[in-house]
N, C-alpha and C. Protein backbone atom coordinates (compact mmCIF):
# COMPACT_ATOMS: atom_id res chain seq x y z
N MET A 1 8.65 16.90 -14.46
CA MET A 1 7.21 16.81 -14.56
C MET A 1 6.67 16.13 -13.30
N ARG A 2 5.62 16.71 -12.73
CA ARG A 2 5.01 16.15 -11.53
C ARG A 2 3.57 15.77 -11.85
N LEU A 3 3.13 14.63 -11.35
CA LEU A 3 1.76 14.19 -11.58
C LEU A 3 0.78 15.12 -10.87
N PRO A 4 -0.36 15.42 -11.51
CA PRO A 4 -1.36 16.27 -10.86
C PRO A 4 -1.84 15.69 -9.53
N ARG A 5 -1.80 14.37 -9.41
CA ARG A 5 -2.26 13.73 -8.17
C ARG A 5 -1.41 14.16 -6.97
N VAL A 6 -0.15 14.45 -7.19
CA VAL A 6 0.72 14.90 -6.09
C VAL A 6 0.27 16.27 -5.59
N ASP A 7 -0.32 17.07 -6.47
CA ASP A 7 -0.85 18.38 -6.05
C ASP A 7 -2.18 18.26 -5.32
N HIS A 8 -3.00 17.28 -5.70
CA HIS A 8 -4.37 17.25 -5.20
C HIS A 8 -4.80 15.93 -4.59
N GLY A 9 -3.95 14.94 -4.49
CA GLY A 9 -4.36 13.61 -4.05
C GLY A 9 -4.10 13.31 -2.58
N HIS A 10 -4.08 14.33 -1.73
CA HIS A 10 -3.78 14.12 -0.31
C HIS A 10 -5.04 13.82 0.49
N SER A 11 -4.85 13.23 1.65
CA SER A 11 -5.96 12.96 2.56
C SER A 11 -6.51 14.28 3.10
N TRP A 12 -7.68 14.22 3.72
CA TRP A 12 -8.32 15.44 4.20
C TRP A 12 -7.48 16.14 5.26
N TYR A 13 -6.81 15.39 6.14
CA TYR A 13 -6.03 16.05 7.19
C TYR A 13 -4.76 16.69 6.64
N VAL A 14 -4.18 16.12 5.59
CA VAL A 14 -3.02 16.76 4.94
C VAL A 14 -3.47 18.01 4.21
N ARG A 15 -4.64 17.95 3.56
CA ARG A 15 -5.17 19.15 2.90
C ARG A 15 -5.44 20.25 3.92
N ALA A 16 -5.96 19.87 5.10
CA ALA A 16 -6.19 20.87 6.15
C ALA A 16 -4.86 21.46 6.63
N PHE A 17 -3.85 20.62 6.78
CA PHE A 17 -2.52 21.09 7.17
C PHE A 17 -1.96 22.07 6.13
N PHE A 18 -2.10 21.72 4.86
CA PHE A 18 -1.62 22.61 3.79
C PHE A 18 -2.41 23.91 3.78
N GLY A 19 -3.71 23.84 4.06
CA GLY A 19 -4.52 25.06 4.13
C GLY A 19 -4.03 25.98 5.23
N ALA A 20 -3.73 25.41 6.41
CA ALA A 20 -3.20 26.21 7.51
C ALA A 20 -1.82 26.77 7.15
N ALA A 21 -1.01 25.96 6.50
CA ALA A 21 0.33 26.41 6.08
C ALA A 21 0.22 27.57 5.09
N ARG A 22 -0.77 27.49 4.17
CA ARG A 22 -0.97 28.59 3.21
C ARG A 22 -1.32 29.88 3.93
N LEU A 23 -2.16 29.77 4.94
CA LEU A 23 -2.53 30.97 5.70
C LEU A 23 -1.33 31.58 6.41
N LEU A 24 -0.52 30.73 7.02
CA LEU A 24 0.64 31.22 7.77
C LEU A 24 1.76 31.72 6.87
N MET A 25 2.03 30.99 5.80
CA MET A 25 3.15 31.35 4.92
C MET A 25 2.75 32.33 3.82
N ARG A 26 1.42 32.46 3.60
CA ARG A 26 0.90 33.30 2.52
C ARG A 26 1.41 32.87 1.14
N MET A 27 1.58 31.57 0.98
CA MET A 27 1.98 30.99 -0.30
C MET A 27 1.67 29.50 -0.27
N ASP A 28 1.67 28.87 -1.44
CA ASP A 28 1.45 27.42 -1.49
C ASP A 28 2.61 26.71 -0.81
N PRO A 29 2.33 25.54 -0.19
CA PRO A 29 3.43 24.76 0.38
C PRO A 29 4.43 24.39 -0.72
N PRO A 30 5.70 24.29 -0.38
CA PRO A 30 6.70 23.90 -1.38
C PRO A 30 6.39 22.52 -1.97
N ASP A 31 6.82 22.31 -3.20
CA ASP A 31 6.56 21.05 -3.89
C ASP A 31 7.11 19.85 -3.14
N ILE A 32 8.24 20.02 -2.47
CA ILE A 32 8.80 18.88 -1.73
C ILE A 32 7.86 18.44 -0.62
N MET A 33 7.17 19.38 0.03
CA MET A 33 6.20 19.00 1.06
C MET A 33 5.05 18.22 0.45
N LYS A 34 4.57 18.66 -0.71
CA LYS A 34 3.48 17.95 -1.38
C LYS A 34 3.90 16.52 -1.72
N THR A 35 5.12 16.37 -2.18
CA THR A 35 5.63 15.05 -2.54
C THR A 35 5.79 14.17 -1.31
N LEU A 36 6.38 14.71 -0.24
CA LEU A 36 6.62 13.92 0.97
C LEU A 36 5.32 13.47 1.62
N TYR A 37 4.30 14.32 1.59
CA TYR A 37 3.03 13.98 2.22
C TYR A 37 2.09 13.20 1.31
N TYR A 38 2.43 13.06 0.04
CA TYR A 38 1.54 12.34 -0.88
C TYR A 38 1.41 10.87 -0.48
N ARG A 39 2.52 10.18 -0.35
CA ARG A 39 2.52 8.79 0.11
C ARG A 39 3.66 8.62 1.11
N PRO A 40 3.45 9.11 2.35
CA PRO A 40 4.56 9.10 3.31
C PRO A 40 5.10 7.71 3.64
N GLY A 41 4.25 6.71 3.67
CA GLY A 41 4.71 5.36 3.98
C GLY A 41 5.56 4.76 2.87
N PHE A 42 5.31 5.17 1.65
CA PHE A 42 6.05 4.63 0.50
C PHE A 42 7.33 5.41 0.24
N PHE A 43 7.26 6.73 0.36
CA PHE A 43 8.38 7.56 -0.02
C PHE A 43 8.79 8.55 1.07
N GLY A 44 7.84 9.29 1.59
CA GLY A 44 8.12 10.43 2.45
C GLY A 44 8.94 10.13 3.69
N LEU A 45 8.56 9.12 4.44
CA LEU A 45 9.27 8.83 5.69
C LEU A 45 10.70 8.36 5.44
N ARG A 46 10.87 7.50 4.45
CA ARG A 46 12.22 6.99 4.14
C ARG A 46 13.11 8.10 3.59
N PHE A 47 12.55 8.92 2.71
CA PHE A 47 13.33 10.01 2.13
C PHE A 47 13.70 11.03 3.20
N SER A 48 12.77 11.33 4.10
CA SER A 48 13.05 12.27 5.19
C SER A 48 14.14 11.74 6.12
N ALA A 49 14.08 10.45 6.43
CA ALA A 49 15.11 9.84 7.28
C ALA A 49 16.48 9.89 6.61
N LEU A 50 16.51 9.60 5.32
CA LEU A 50 17.77 9.66 4.57
C LEU A 50 18.32 11.08 4.55
N THR A 51 17.44 12.05 4.30
CA THR A 51 17.87 13.44 4.27
C THR A 51 18.44 13.87 5.63
N GLN A 52 17.77 13.48 6.71
CA GLN A 52 18.27 13.81 8.05
C GLN A 52 19.65 13.21 8.28
N GLU A 53 19.84 11.97 7.87
CA GLU A 53 21.14 11.31 8.04
C GLU A 53 22.22 12.03 7.24
N ILE A 54 21.89 12.40 6.00
CA ILE A 54 22.88 13.08 5.15
C ILE A 54 23.21 14.46 5.70
N MET A 55 22.19 15.19 6.11
CA MET A 55 22.40 16.58 6.53
C MET A 55 22.88 16.71 7.97
N ARG A 56 22.58 15.72 8.83
CA ARG A 56 22.93 15.85 10.25
C ARG A 56 23.84 14.75 10.77
N GLY A 57 24.09 13.72 9.97
CA GLY A 57 24.93 12.62 10.42
C GLY A 57 26.41 12.99 10.42
N GLU A 58 27.24 12.01 10.74
CA GLU A 58 28.68 12.25 10.77
C GLU A 58 29.18 12.62 9.39
N SER A 59 30.10 13.60 9.37
CA SER A 59 30.63 14.08 8.10
C SER A 59 31.85 14.95 8.37
N PRO A 60 32.78 15.02 7.45
CA PRO A 60 33.89 15.96 7.62
C PRO A 60 33.42 17.41 7.47
N TRP A 61 32.20 17.64 6.91
CA TRP A 61 31.66 18.98 6.76
C TRP A 61 30.71 19.30 7.91
N THR A 62 30.65 20.56 8.27
CA THR A 62 29.71 20.98 9.31
C THR A 62 28.29 20.98 8.75
N VAL A 63 27.32 21.05 9.66
CA VAL A 63 25.92 21.13 9.24
C VAL A 63 25.72 22.39 8.39
N GLY A 64 26.31 23.49 8.80
CA GLY A 64 26.19 24.73 8.05
C GLY A 64 26.74 24.62 6.64
N GLU A 65 27.89 23.95 6.50
CA GLU A 65 28.46 23.77 5.15
C GLU A 65 27.54 22.93 4.28
N ARG A 66 26.98 21.87 4.85
CA ARG A 66 26.06 21.02 4.08
C ARG A 66 24.81 21.79 3.67
N GLU A 67 24.30 22.63 4.57
CA GLU A 67 23.13 23.45 4.24
C GLU A 67 23.48 24.42 3.11
N LEU A 68 24.68 24.99 3.17
CA LEU A 68 25.11 25.92 2.13
C LEU A 68 25.25 25.19 0.78
N PHE A 69 25.81 23.98 0.79
CA PHE A 69 25.89 23.19 -0.44
C PHE A 69 24.50 22.94 -1.02
N ALA A 70 23.57 22.55 -0.17
CA ALA A 70 22.20 22.26 -0.62
C ALA A 70 21.54 23.52 -1.18
N ALA A 71 21.73 24.65 -0.52
CA ALA A 71 21.14 25.90 -1.01
C ALA A 71 21.74 26.29 -2.36
N HIS A 72 23.04 26.09 -2.51
CA HIS A 72 23.69 26.44 -3.77
C HIS A 72 23.18 25.55 -4.92
N VAL A 73 23.09 24.26 -4.68
CA VAL A 73 22.59 23.34 -5.72
C VAL A 73 21.14 23.67 -6.05
N SER A 74 20.34 23.99 -5.05
CA SER A 74 18.95 24.36 -5.30
C SER A 74 18.87 25.62 -6.16
N ALA A 75 19.72 26.59 -5.87
CA ALA A 75 19.74 27.82 -6.67
C ALA A 75 20.13 27.52 -8.12
N LEU A 76 21.12 26.65 -8.30
CA LEU A 76 21.52 26.28 -9.66
C LEU A 76 20.37 25.60 -10.41
N ASN A 77 19.58 24.83 -9.67
CA ASN A 77 18.44 24.12 -10.27
C ASN A 77 17.19 24.98 -10.31
N GLN A 78 17.30 26.22 -9.89
CA GLN A 78 16.18 27.16 -9.82
C GLN A 78 15.03 26.61 -8.98
N CYS A 79 15.39 26.00 -7.84
CA CYS A 79 14.42 25.46 -6.90
C CYS A 79 14.41 26.31 -5.64
N VAL A 80 13.24 26.42 -5.03
CA VAL A 80 13.15 27.10 -3.74
C VAL A 80 13.76 26.17 -2.70
N PHE A 81 14.67 26.68 -1.88
CA PHE A 81 15.29 25.86 -0.84
C PHE A 81 14.82 26.33 0.51
C-alpha cells in the first residue's frame, strides 16, 4: 500500500519533471521514482546511494549478473523493473 501523498505530494519542479517524463515515456513515471522524489533528503538520496553501492560496488558477481538478479526478483514480485 502506498500513501496517496507519494503520488501527488511533490514540489512544483518535480511535478514538472514528471510531466516531461510522461510526455517522453508516454506513461506515468514508475512508482520507485515517485517514492525517491517524494522526500529525497529523508529517503531518496540515501536509498539511491545504497542501491548504487549494491549494484555497482565490489562483488564476486558482475554488474550484468546483479542486474539480471534484480530483474528476476522484480518479475517474481510483478513489478516493473
